[in-house]
PDB file of N, CA and C in Angstrom:
ATOM      1  N   MET A   1       0.844  -1.183   0.000  1.00  0.00           N
ATOM      2  CA  MET A   1       0.000   0.000   0.000  1.00  0.00           C
ATOM      3  C   MET A   1       0.888   1.245   0.000  1.00  0.00           C
ATOM      4  N   PRO A   2       0.591   2.242  -0.846  1.00  0.00           N
ATOM      5  CA  PRO A   2       1.446   3.437  -0.897  1.00  0.00           C
ATOM      6  C   PRO A   2       1.257   4.336   0.319  1.00  0.00           C
ATOM      7  N   LYS A   3       2.227   5.199   0.520  1.00  0.00           N
ATOM      8  CA  LYS A   3       2.151   6.153   1.633  1.00  0.00           C
ATOM      9  C   LYS A   3       1.049   7.171   1.367  1.00  0.00           C
ATOM     10  N   GLN A   4       0.514   7.722   2.456  1.00  0.00           N
ATOM     11  CA  GLN A   4      -0.511   8.749   2.338  1.00  0.00           C
ATOM     12  C   GLN A   4       0.168  10.104   2.155  1.00  0.00           C
ATOM     13  N   LYS A   5      -0.344  10.896   1.211  1.00  0.00           N
ATOM     14  CA  LYS A   5       0.254  12.206   0.955  1.00  0.00           C
ATOM     15  C   LYS A   5      -0.299  13.251   1.927  1.00  0.00           C
ATOM     16  N   THR A   6       0.555  14.198   2.295  1.00  0.00           N
ATOM     17  CA  THR A   6       0.156  15.316   3.140  1.00  0.00           C
ATOM     18  C   THR A   6      -0.711  16.268   2.328  1.00  0.00           C
ATOM     19  N   HIS A   7      -1.758  16.797   2.944  1.00  0.00           N
ATOM     20  CA  HIS A   7      -2.620  17.786   2.295  1.00  0.00           C
ATOM     21  C   HIS A   7      -1.894  19.132   2.335  1.00  0.00           C
ATOM     22  N   LYS A   8      -1.326  19.545   1.204  1.00  0.00           N
ATOM     23  CA  LYS A   8      -0.450  20.722   1.154  1.00  0.00           C
ATOM     24  C   LYS A   8      -1.167  22.025   1.483  1.00  0.00           C
ATOM     25  N   GLY A   9      -2.423  22.161   1.062  1.00  0.00           N
ATOM     26  CA  GLY A   9      -3.174  23.381   1.357  1.00  0.00           C
ATOM     27  C   GLY A   9      -3.387  23.557   2.849  1.00  0.00           C
ATOM     28  N   LEU A  10      -3.660  22.457   3.528  1.00  0.00           N
ATOM     29  CA  LEU A  10      -3.892  22.503   4.967  1.00  0.00           C
ATOM     30  C   LEU A  10      -2.593  22.722   5.732  1.00  0.00           C
ATOM     31  N   SER A  11      -1.503  22.138   5.240  1.00  0.00           N
ATOM     32  CA  SER A  11      -0.227  22.265   5.944  1.00  0.00           C
ATOM     33  C   SER A  11       0.286  23.703   5.953  1.00  0.00           C
ATOM     34  N   LYS A  12      -0.176  24.514   4.999  1.00  0.00           N
ATOM     35  CA  LYS A  12       0.222  25.924   4.967  1.00  0.00           C
ATOM     36  C   LYS A  12      -0.613  26.768   5.919  1.00  0.00           C
ATOM     37  N   ARG A  13      -1.736  26.236   6.395  1.00  0.00           N
ATOM     38  CA  ARG A  13      -2.665  27.000   7.222  1.00  0.00           C
ATOM     39  C   ARG A  13      -2.656  26.631   8.696  1.00  0.00           C
ATOM     40  N   VAL A  14      -2.262  25.427   9.021  1.00  0.00           N
ATOM     41  CA  VAL A  14      -2.249  24.998  10.422  1.00  0.00           C
ATOM     42  C   VAL A  14      -0.902  24.393  10.778  1.00  0.00           C
ATOM     43  N   LYS A  15      -0.678  24.270  12.105  1.00  0.00           N
ATOM     44  CA  LYS A  15       0.563  23.682  12.599  1.00  0.00           C
ATOM     45  C   LYS A  15       0.216  22.795  13.788  1.00  0.00           C
ATOM     46  N   VAL A  16       0.851  21.644  13.871  1.00  0.00           N
ATOM     47  CA  VAL A  16       0.659  20.769  15.018  1.00  0.00           C
ATOM     48  C   VAL A  16       1.775  21.061  16.011  1.00  0.00           C
ATOM     49  N   THR A  17       1.401  21.369  17.260  1.00  0.00           N
ATOM     50  CA  THR A  17       2.381  21.733  18.277  1.00  0.00           C
ATOM     51  C   THR A  17       3.091  20.487  18.800  1.00  0.00           C
ATOM     52  N   ALA A  18       4.084  20.695  19.636  1.00  0.00           N
ATOM     53  CA  ALA A  18       4.857  19.579  20.189  1.00  0.00           C
ATOM     54  C   ALA A  18       3.996  18.679  21.062  1.00  0.00           C
ATOM     55  N   THR A  19       2.966  19.234  21.687  1.00  0.00           N
ATOM     56  CA  THR A  19       2.078  18.425  22.531  1.00  0.00           C
ATOM     57  C   THR A  19       0.942  17.788  21.738  1.00  0.00           C
ATOM     58  N   GLY A  20       0.876  18.049  20.432  1.00  0.00           N
ATOM     59  CA  GLY A  20      -0.123  17.413  19.582  1.00  0.00           C
ATOM     60  C   GLY A  20      -1.376  18.226  19.342  1.00  0.00           C
ATOM     61  N   LYS A  21      -1.406  19.475  19.806  1.00  0.00           N
ATOM     62  CA  LYS A  21      -2.562  20.330  19.562  1.00  0.00           C
ATOM     63  C   LYS A  21      -2.441  20.957  18.172  1.00  0.00           C
ATOM     64  N   VAL A  22      -3.572  21.335  17.598  1.00  0.00           N
ATOM     65  CA  VAL A  22      -3.582  21.940  16.269  1.00  0.00           C
ATOM     66  C   VAL A  22      -3.793  23.438  16.424  1.00  0.00           C
ATOM     67  N   LYS A  23      -2.850  24.227  15.883  1.00  0.00           N
ATOM     68  CA  LYS A  23      -2.869  25.676  16.012  1.00  0.00           C
ATOM     69  C   LYS A  23      -3.235  26.279  14.664  1.00  0.00           C
ATOM     70  N   ARG A  24      -4.098  27.288  14.672  1.00  0.00           N
ATOM     71  CA  ARG A  24      -4.525  27.931  13.431  1.00  0.00           C
ATOM     72  C   ARG A  24      -4.633  29.439  13.624  1.00  0.00           C
ATOM     73  N   HIS A  25      -4.701  30.163  12.511  1.00  0.00           N
ATOM     74  CA  HIS A  25      -4.915  31.609  12.563  1.00  0.00           C
ATOM     75  C   HIS A  25      -6.413  31.883  12.559  1.00  0.00           C
ATOM     76  N   ARG A  26      -6.806  32.977  13.166  1.00  0.00           N
ATOM     77  CA  ARG A  26      -8.218  33.352  13.181  1.00  0.00           C
ATOM     78  C   ARG A  26      -8.579  34.063  11.877  1.00  0.00           C
ATOM     79  N   THR A  27      -9.847  34.002  11.528  1.00  0.00           N
ATOM     80  CA  THR A  27     -10.322  34.636  10.296  1.00  0.00           C
ATOM     81  C   THR A  27     -10.714  36.082  10.558  1.00  0.00           C
ATOM     82  N   GLY A  28     -10.846  36.841   9.483  1.00  0.00           N
ATOM     83  CA  GLY A  28     -11.366  38.205   9.578  1.00  0.00           C
ATOM     84  C   GLY A  28     -10.311  39.274   9.647  1.00  0.00           C
ATOM     85  N   GLY A  29      -9.048  38.933   9.527  1.00  0.00           N
ATOM     86  CA  GLY A  29      -7.989  39.927   9.679  1.00  0.00           C
ATOM     87  C   GLY A  29      -7.402  40.427   8.373  1.00  0.00           C
ATOM     88  N   GLY A  30      -8.031  40.115   7.274  1.00  0.00           N
ATOM     89  CA  GLY A  30      -7.469  40.485   5.978  1.00  0.00           C
ATOM     90  C   GLY A  30      -7.597  41.954   5.630  1.00  0.00           C
ATOM     91  N   HIS A  31      -8.763  42.544   5.916  1.00  0.00           N
ATOM     92  CA  HIS A  31      -9.008  43.935   5.538  1.00  0.00           C
ATOM     93  C   HIS A  31     -10.179  44.463   6.351  1.00  0.00           C
ATOM     94  N   LEU A  32     -10.517  45.729   6.155  1.00  0.00           N
ATOM     95  CA  LEU A  32     -11.620  46.405   6.853  1.00  0.00           C
ATOM     96  C   LEU A  32     -11.452  46.387   8.373  1.00  0.00           C
ATOM     97  N   MET A  33     -10.230  46.579   8.834  1.00  0.00           N
ATOM     98  CA  MET A  33      -9.970  46.532  10.267  1.00  0.00           C
ATOM     99  C   MET A  33     -10.453  47.790  10.992  1.00  0.00           C
ATOM    100  N   SER A  34     -10.609  48.906  10.284  1.00  0.00           N
ATOM    101  CA  SER A  34     -11.028  50.148  10.945  1.00  0.00           C
ATOM    102  C   SER A  34     -12.462  50.058  11.453  1.00  0.00           C
ATOM    103  N   GLY A  35     -13.259  49.190  10.895  1.00  0.00           N
ATOM    104  CA  GLY A  35     -14.641  49.037  11.335  1.00  0.00           C
ATOM    105  C   GLY A  35     -14.794  48.093  12.509  1.00  0.00           C
ATOM    106  N   LYS A  36     -13.716  47.514  12.966  1.00  0.00           N
ATOM    107  CA  LYS A  36     -13.768  46.555  14.075  1.00  0.00           C
ATOM    108  C   LYS A  36     -13.186  47.203  15.328  1.00  0.00           C
ATOM    109  N   ASN A  37     -13.747  46.873  16.476  1.00  0.00           N
ATOM    110  CA  ASN A  37     -13.252  47.489  17.707  1.00  0.00           C
ATOM    111  C   ASN A  37     -11.922  46.864  18.129  1.00  0.00           C
ATOM    112  N   ALA A  38     -11.249  47.506  19.068  1.00  0.00           N
ATOM    113  CA  ALA A  38      -9.888  47.122  19.451  1.00  0.00           C
ATOM    114  C   ALA A  38      -9.837  45.715  20.035  1.00  0.00           C
ATOM    115  N   LYS A  39     -10.839  45.363  20.844  1.00  0.00           N
ATOM    116  CA  LYS A  39     -10.867  44.034  21.446  1.00  0.00           C
ATOM    117  C   LYS A  39     -10.960  42.954  20.361  1.00  0.00           C
ATOM    118  N   ARG A  40     -11.780  43.214  19.370  1.00  0.00           N
ATOM    119  CA  ARG A  40     -11.960  42.256  18.272  1.00  0.00           C
ATOM    120  C   ARG A  40     -10.688  42.139  17.431  1.00  0.00           C
ATOM    121  N   ARG A  41     -10.024  43.273  17.185  1.00  0.00           N
ATOM    122  CA  ARG A  41      -8.772  43.254  16.417  1.00  0.00           C
ATOM    123  C   ARG A  41      -7.678  42.485  17.148  1.00  0.00           C
ATOM    124  N   ARG A  42      -7.592  42.657  18.459  1.00  0.00           N
ATOM    125  CA  ARG A  42      -6.596  41.914  19.250  1.00  0.00           C
ATOM    126  C   ARG A  42      -6.871  40.416  19.188  1.00  0.00           C
ATOM    127  N   LYS A  43      -8.125  40.048  19.293  1.00  0.00           N
ATOM    128  CA  LYS A  43      -8.489  38.634  19.264  1.00  0.00           C
ATOM    129  C   LYS A  43      -8.180  38.022  17.893  1.00  0.00           C
ATOM    130  N   ILE A  44      -8.423  38.761  16.824  1.00  0.00           N
ATOM    131  CA  ILE A  44      -8.143  38.277  15.469  1.00  0.00           C
ATOM    132  C   ILE A  44      -6.644  38.062  15.272  1.00  0.00           C
ATOM    133  N   SER A  45      -5.821  38.921  15.859  1.00  0.00           N
ATOM    134  CA  SER A  45      -4.377  38.836  15.634  1.00  0.00           C
ATOM    135  C   SER A  45      -3.735  37.646  16.338  1.00  0.00           C
ATOM    136  N   SER A  46      -4.411  37.094  17.364  1.00  0.00           N
ATOM    137  CA  SER A  46      -3.838  35.957  18.083  1.00  0.00           C
ATOM    138  C   SER A  46      -4.209  34.649  17.384  1.00  0.00           C
ATOM    139  N   SER A  47      -3.468  33.592  17.677  1.00  0.00           N
ATOM    140  CA  SER A  47      -3.773  32.287  17.098  1.00  0.00           C
ATOM    141  C   SER A  47      -4.757  31.544  17.984  1.00  0.00           C
ATOM    142  N   ASP A  48      -5.287  30.436  17.472  1.00  0.00           N
ATOM    143  CA  ASP A  48      -6.312  29.689  18.173  1.00  0.00           C
ATOM    144  C   ASP A  48      -5.979  28.205  18.114  1.00  0.00           C
ATOM    145  N   ILE A  49      -6.461  27.453  19.080  1.00  0.00           N
ATOM    146  CA  ILE A  49      -6.272  26.000  19.129  1.00  0.00           C
ATOM    147  C   ILE A  49      -7.571  25.333  18.687  1.00  0.00           C
ATOM    148  N   VAL A  50      -7.472  24.393  17.757  1.00  0.00           N
ATOM    149  CA  VAL A  50      -8.636  23.637  17.304  1.00  0.00           C
ATOM    150  C   VAL A  50      -8.919  22.564  18.350  1.00  0.00           C
ATOM    151  N   THR A  51     -10.140  22.552  18.913  1.00  0.00           N
ATOM    152  CA  THR A  51     -10.410  21.675  20.049  1.00  0.00           C
ATOM    153  C   THR A  51     -11.480  20.624  19.774  1.00  0.00           C
ATOM    154  N   THR A  52     -12.030  20.577  18.574  1.00  0.00           N
ATOM    155  CA  THR A  52     -13.123  19.647  18.305  1.00  0.00           C
ATOM    156  C   THR A  52     -12.626  18.405  17.590  1.00  0.00           C
ATOM    157  N   LYS A  53     -13.545  17.631  17.077  1.00  0.00           N
ATOM    158  CA  LYS A  53     -13.245  16.445  16.277  1.00  0.00           C
ATOM    159  C   LYS A  53     -12.457  16.838  15.028  1.00  0.00           C
ATOM    160  N   MET A  54     -12.562  18.099  14.626  1.00  0.00           N
ATOM    161  CA  MET A  54     -11.842  18.590  13.452  1.00  0.00           C
ATOM    162  C   MET A  54     -10.336  18.449  13.628  1.00  0.00           C
ATOM    163  N   ALA A  55      -9.851  18.542  14.859  1.00  0.00           N
ATOM    164  CA  ALA A  55      -8.412  18.403  15.123  1.00  0.00           C
ATOM    165  C   ALA A  55      -7.924  17.015  14.721  1.00  0.00           C
ATOM    166  N   ASP A  56      -8.726  15.985  14.978  1.00  0.00           N
ATOM    167  CA  ASP A  56      -8.352  14.627  14.591  1.00  0.00           C
ATOM    168  C   ASP A  56      -8.295  14.495  13.075  1.00  0.00           C
ATOM    169  N   THR A  57      -9.253  15.108  12.377  1.00  0.00           N
ATOM    170  CA  THR A  57      -9.276  15.084  10.917  1.00  0.00           C
ATOM    171  C   THR A  57      -8.051  15.780  10.348  1.00  0.00           C
ATOM    172  N   VAL A  58      -7.693  16.913  10.951  1.00  0.00           N
ATOM    173  CA  VAL A  58      -6.526  17.677  10.500  1.00  0.00           C
ATOM    174  C   VAL A  58      -5.258  16.833  10.630  1.00  0.00           C
ATOM    175  N   LYS A  59      -5.110  16.144  11.742  1.00  0.00           N
ATOM    176  CA  LYS A  59      -3.917  15.320  11.962  1.00  0.00           C
ATOM    177  C   LYS A  59      -3.832  14.182  10.957  1.00  0.00           C
ATOM    178  N   ILE A  60      -4.971  13.618  10.588  1.00  0.00           N
ATOM    179  CA  ILE A  60      -4.984  12.551   9.574  1.00  0.00           C
ATOM    180  C   ILE A  60      -4.538  13.109   8.230  1.00  0.00           C
ATOM    181  N   LYS A  61      -5.038  14.289   7.860  1.00  0.00           N
ATOM    182  CA  LYS A  61      -4.677  14.889   6.576  1.00  0.00           C
ATOM    183  C   LYS A  61      -3.231  15.352   6.529  1.00  0.00           C
ATOM    184  N   LEU A  62      -2.669  15.669   7.703  1.00  0.00           N
ATOM    185  CA  LEU A  62      -1.261  16.081   7.753  1.00  0.00           C
ATOM    186  C   LEU A  62      -0.325  14.915   7.997  1.00  0.00           C
ATOM    187  N   CYS A  63      -0.879  13.714   8.109  1.00  0.00           N
ATOM    188  CA  CYS A  63      -0.078  12.491   8.354  1.00  0.00           C
ATOM    189  C   CYS A  63       0.683  12.593   9.663  1.00  0.00           C
ATOM    190  N   LYS A  64       0.053  13.076  10.716  1.00  0.00           N
ATOM    191  CA  LYS A  64       0.694  13.231  12.031  1.00  0.00           C
ATOM    192  C   LYS A  64       0.082  12.262  13.005  1.00  0.00           C
TER     193      LYS A  64
END
């Protein structure tokens, strides 16, 4: 059976940490930042941990 290929699009968007958690960037930070309040802008600039069943799917697609 051949090896499973890494999903390249996903590997550019998320990272698996040393403890096995999946880290991602938050959405909404591309443009139109002047219409968002400071608290929302700070939250968008920080990264987030994927905590649902989606994290398991991500690890399978990244071959981790």
